[in-house]
Amino acid sequence: MPYAFTVTEVFATVTTVATGATLLTIDINEAGTTIISTKITLDASEKTSRTAATAPVISDSSLANSAVMTIDIDAVGNTTTGKGLKVYIVGYQT
């Protein structure tokens, strides 16, 4: 992180939708620890997580200056793999 940041929303989009029983699932970590207690999911055949049946839950909204952020893809879909993933961390500098 280039500066301290307060997270107000997280979401993801894809250009190619994932299909199958396994949902495309994404985690966001600050220094190796998740910042969302309910991970971001994209329902089968959906291009955005904003319409997911289960919304992500932010558990740590305060990101530290110079924090190392990582994005983990925990599942990609089991029939068609989701492609063109973009993850958004929305908020403001603190």
C-alpha atoms as a PDB file:
ATOM      1  CA  MET A   1       0.000   0.000   0.000  1.00  0.00           C
ATOM      2  CA  PRO A   2       1.417   3.408  -0.895  1.00  0.00           C
ATOM      3  CA  TYR A   3      -0.337   4.972   2.160  1.00  0.00           C
ATOM      4  CA  ALA A   4      -2.686   4.069   5.017  1.00  0.00           C
ATOM      5  CA  PHE A   5      -6.110   3.227   3.592  1.00  0.00           C
ATOM      6  CA  THR A   6      -9.606   2.524   4.923  1.00  0.00           C
ATOM      7  CA  VAL A   7     -11.477  -0.135   2.949  1.00  0.00           C
ATOM      8  CA  THR A   8     -15.195   0.445   2.365  1.00  0.00           C
ATOM      9  CA  GLU A   9     -15.883  -2.181  -0.299  1.00  0.00           C
ATOM     10  CA  VAL A  10     -14.233  -5.069  -2.142  1.00  0.00           C
ATOM     11  CA  PHE A  11     -15.441  -6.749  -5.313  1.00  0.00           C
ATOM     12  CA  ALA A  12     -14.210  -8.602  -8.377  1.00  0.00           C
ATOM     13  CA  THR A  13     -15.054  -8.933 -12.060  1.00  0.00           C
ATOM     14  CA  VAL A  14     -14.067 -11.345 -14.841  1.00  0.00           C
ATOM     15  CA  THR A  15     -14.135 -11.194 -18.623  1.00  0.00           C
ATOM     16  CA  THR A  16     -14.861 -14.938 -18.974  1.00  0.00           C
ATOM     17  CA  VAL A  17     -17.338 -16.346 -16.447  1.00  0.00           C
ATOM     18  CA  ALA A  18     -16.619 -19.446 -14.386  1.00  0.00           C
ATOM     19  CA  THR A  19     -19.134 -22.281 -14.592  1.00  0.00           C
ATOM     20  CA  GLY A  20     -19.769 -25.395 -12.559  1.00  0.00           C
ATOM     21  CA  ALA A  21     -20.552 -26.168  -8.939  1.00  0.00           C
ATOM     22  CA  THR A  22     -17.316 -24.611  -7.626  1.00  0.00           C
ATOM     23  CA  LEU A  23     -17.598 -20.813  -7.325  1.00  0.00           C
ATOM     24  CA  LEU A  24     -14.762 -18.483  -8.314  1.00  0.00           C
ATOM     25  CA  THR A  25     -13.453 -17.501  -4.865  1.00  0.00           C
ATOM     26  CA  ILE A  26     -10.936 -14.756  -4.001  1.00  0.00           C
ATOM     27  CA  ASP A  27      -9.230 -13.716  -0.756  1.00  0.00           C
ATOM     28  CA  ILE A  28      -7.395 -10.435  -0.064  1.00  0.00           C
ATOM     29  CA  ASN A  29      -4.525 -10.449   2.444  1.00  0.00           C
ATOM     30  CA  GLU A  30      -2.562  -7.766   4.255  1.00  0.00           C
ATOM     31  CA  ALA A  31       0.841  -9.113   5.344  1.00  0.00           C
ATOM     32  CA  GLY A  32      -0.444 -12.682   4.951  1.00  0.00           C
ATOM     33  CA  THR A  33      -3.645 -12.193   6.985  1.00  0.00           C
ATOM     34  CA  THR A  34      -7.062 -12.005   5.363  1.00  0.00           C
ATOM     35  CA  ILE A  35      -8.949  -8.706   5.464  1.00  0.00           C
ATOM     36  CA  ILE A  36     -12.291 -10.331   4.567  1.00  0.00           C
ATOM     37  CA  SER A  37     -13.992 -12.901   6.806  1.00  0.00           C
ATOM     38  CA  THR A  38     -16.387 -13.915   4.018  1.00  0.00           C
ATOM     39  CA  LYS A  39     -14.397 -14.236   0.804  1.00  0.00           C
ATOM     40  CA  ILE A  40     -15.316 -12.672  -2.534  1.00  0.00           C
ATOM     41  CA  THR A  41     -17.271 -15.090  -4.729  1.00  0.00           C
ATOM     42  CA  LEU A  42     -18.604 -14.888  -8.254  1.00  0.00           C
ATOM     43  CA  ASP A  43     -21.626 -17.099  -8.750  1.00  0.00           C
ATOM     44  CA  ALA A  44     -21.616 -19.464 -11.737  1.00  0.00           C
ATOM     45  CA  SER A  45     -22.105 -17.590 -15.033  1.00  0.00           C
ATOM     46  CA  GLU A  46     -21.786 -14.150 -13.330  1.00  0.00           C
ATOM     47  CA  LYS A  47     -19.210 -11.523 -14.397  1.00  0.00           C
ATOM     48  CA  THR A  48     -19.197  -9.630 -11.078  1.00  0.00           C
ATOM     49  CA  SER A  49     -19.227 -10.428  -7.377  1.00  0.00           C
ATOM     50  CA  ARG A  50     -21.585  -7.504  -6.762  1.00  0.00           C
ATOM     51  CA  THR A  51     -24.525  -9.777  -7.669  1.00  0.00           C
ATOM     52  CA  ALA A  52     -23.280 -12.800  -5.690  1.00  0.00           C
ATOM     53  CA  ALA A  53     -25.694 -14.626  -3.402  1.00  0.00           C
ATOM     54  CA  THR A  54     -23.184 -14.143  -0.563  1.00  0.00           C
ATOM     55  CA  ALA A  55     -21.559 -10.722  -0.206  1.00  0.00           C
ATOM     56  CA  PRO A  56     -17.964 -10.412   1.041  1.00  0.00           C
ATOM     57  CA  VAL A  57     -17.539  -9.233   4.632  1.00  0.00           C
ATOM     58  CA  ILE A  58     -14.634  -6.907   5.451  1.00  0.00           C
ATOM     59  CA  SER A  59     -13.049  -7.899   8.771  1.00  0.00           C
ATOM     60  CA  ASP A  60     -10.048  -5.517   8.684  1.00  0.00           C
ATOM     61  CA  SER A  61     -10.816  -2.199   7.020  1.00  0.00           C
ATOM     62  CA  SER A  62      -7.621  -0.404   8.156  1.00  0.00           C
ATOM     63  CA  LEU A  63      -4.698  -1.083   5.835  1.00  0.00           C
ATOM     64  CA  ALA A  64      -1.285   0.109   6.987  1.00  0.00           C
ATOM     65  CA  ASN A  65       1.099   2.334   5.062  1.00  0.00           C
ATOM     66  CA  SER A  66       3.571   0.140   3.143  1.00  0.00           C
ATOM     67  CA  ALA A  67       1.564  -3.033   3.845  1.00  0.00           C
ATOM     68  CA  VAL A  68       2.223  -5.927   1.506  1.00  0.00           C
ATOM     69  CA  MET A  69      -1.079  -6.865  -0.138  1.00  0.00           C
ATOM     70  CA  THR A  70      -1.735 -10.189  -1.884  1.00  0.00           C
ATOM     71  CA  ILE A  71      -4.682 -11.613  -3.779  1.00  0.00           C
ATOM     72  CA  ASP A  72      -5.308 -15.360  -3.404  1.00  0.00           C
ATOM     73  CA  ILE A  73      -7.487 -17.220  -5.885  1.00  0.00           C
ATOM     74  CA  ASP A  74      -8.923 -20.067  -3.833  1.00  0.00           C
ATOM     75  CA  ALA A  75     -11.176 -21.595  -6.520  1.00  0.00           C
ATOM     76  CA  VAL A  76     -11.596 -20.962 -10.271  1.00  0.00           C
ATOM     77  CA  GLY A  77     -14.728 -22.879 -11.298  1.00  0.00           C
ATOM     78  CA  ASN A  78     -14.762 -26.572 -12.112  1.00  0.00           C
ATOM     79  CA  THR A  79     -16.359 -26.723 -15.584  1.00  0.00           C
ATOM     80  CA  THR A  80     -15.099 -23.491 -17.188  1.00  0.00           C
ATOM     81  CA  THR A  81     -12.330 -21.556 -15.484  1.00  0.00           C
ATOM     82  CA  GLY A  82     -12.973 -17.853 -14.874  1.00  0.00           C
ATOM     83  CA  LYS A  83     -10.528 -15.613 -16.763  1.00  0.00           C
ATOM     84  CA  GLY A  84      -9.566 -11.933 -16.851  1.00  0.00           C
ATOM     85  CA  LEU A  85      -9.949 -11.417 -13.100  1.00  0.00           C
ATOM     86  CA  LYS A  86      -9.862  -7.872 -11.706  1.00  0.00           C
ATOM     87  CA  VAL A  87     -10.082  -7.269  -7.945  1.00  0.00           C
ATOM     88  CA  TYR A  88     -11.110  -3.873  -6.581  1.00  0.00           C
ATOM     89  CA  ILE A  89     -10.335  -2.488  -3.116  1.00  0.00           C
ATOM     90  CA  VAL A  90     -12.486   0.620  -2.676  1.00  0.00           C
ATOM     91  CA  GLY A  91     -12.001   3.172   0.098  1.00  0.00           C
ATOM     92  CA  TYR A  92     -10.052   6.273   1.005  1.00  0.00           C
ATOM     93  CA  GLN A  93      -6.604   7.394   2.151  1.00  0.00           C
ATOM     94  CA  THR A  94      -6.268   7.896   5.899  1.00  0.00           C
END
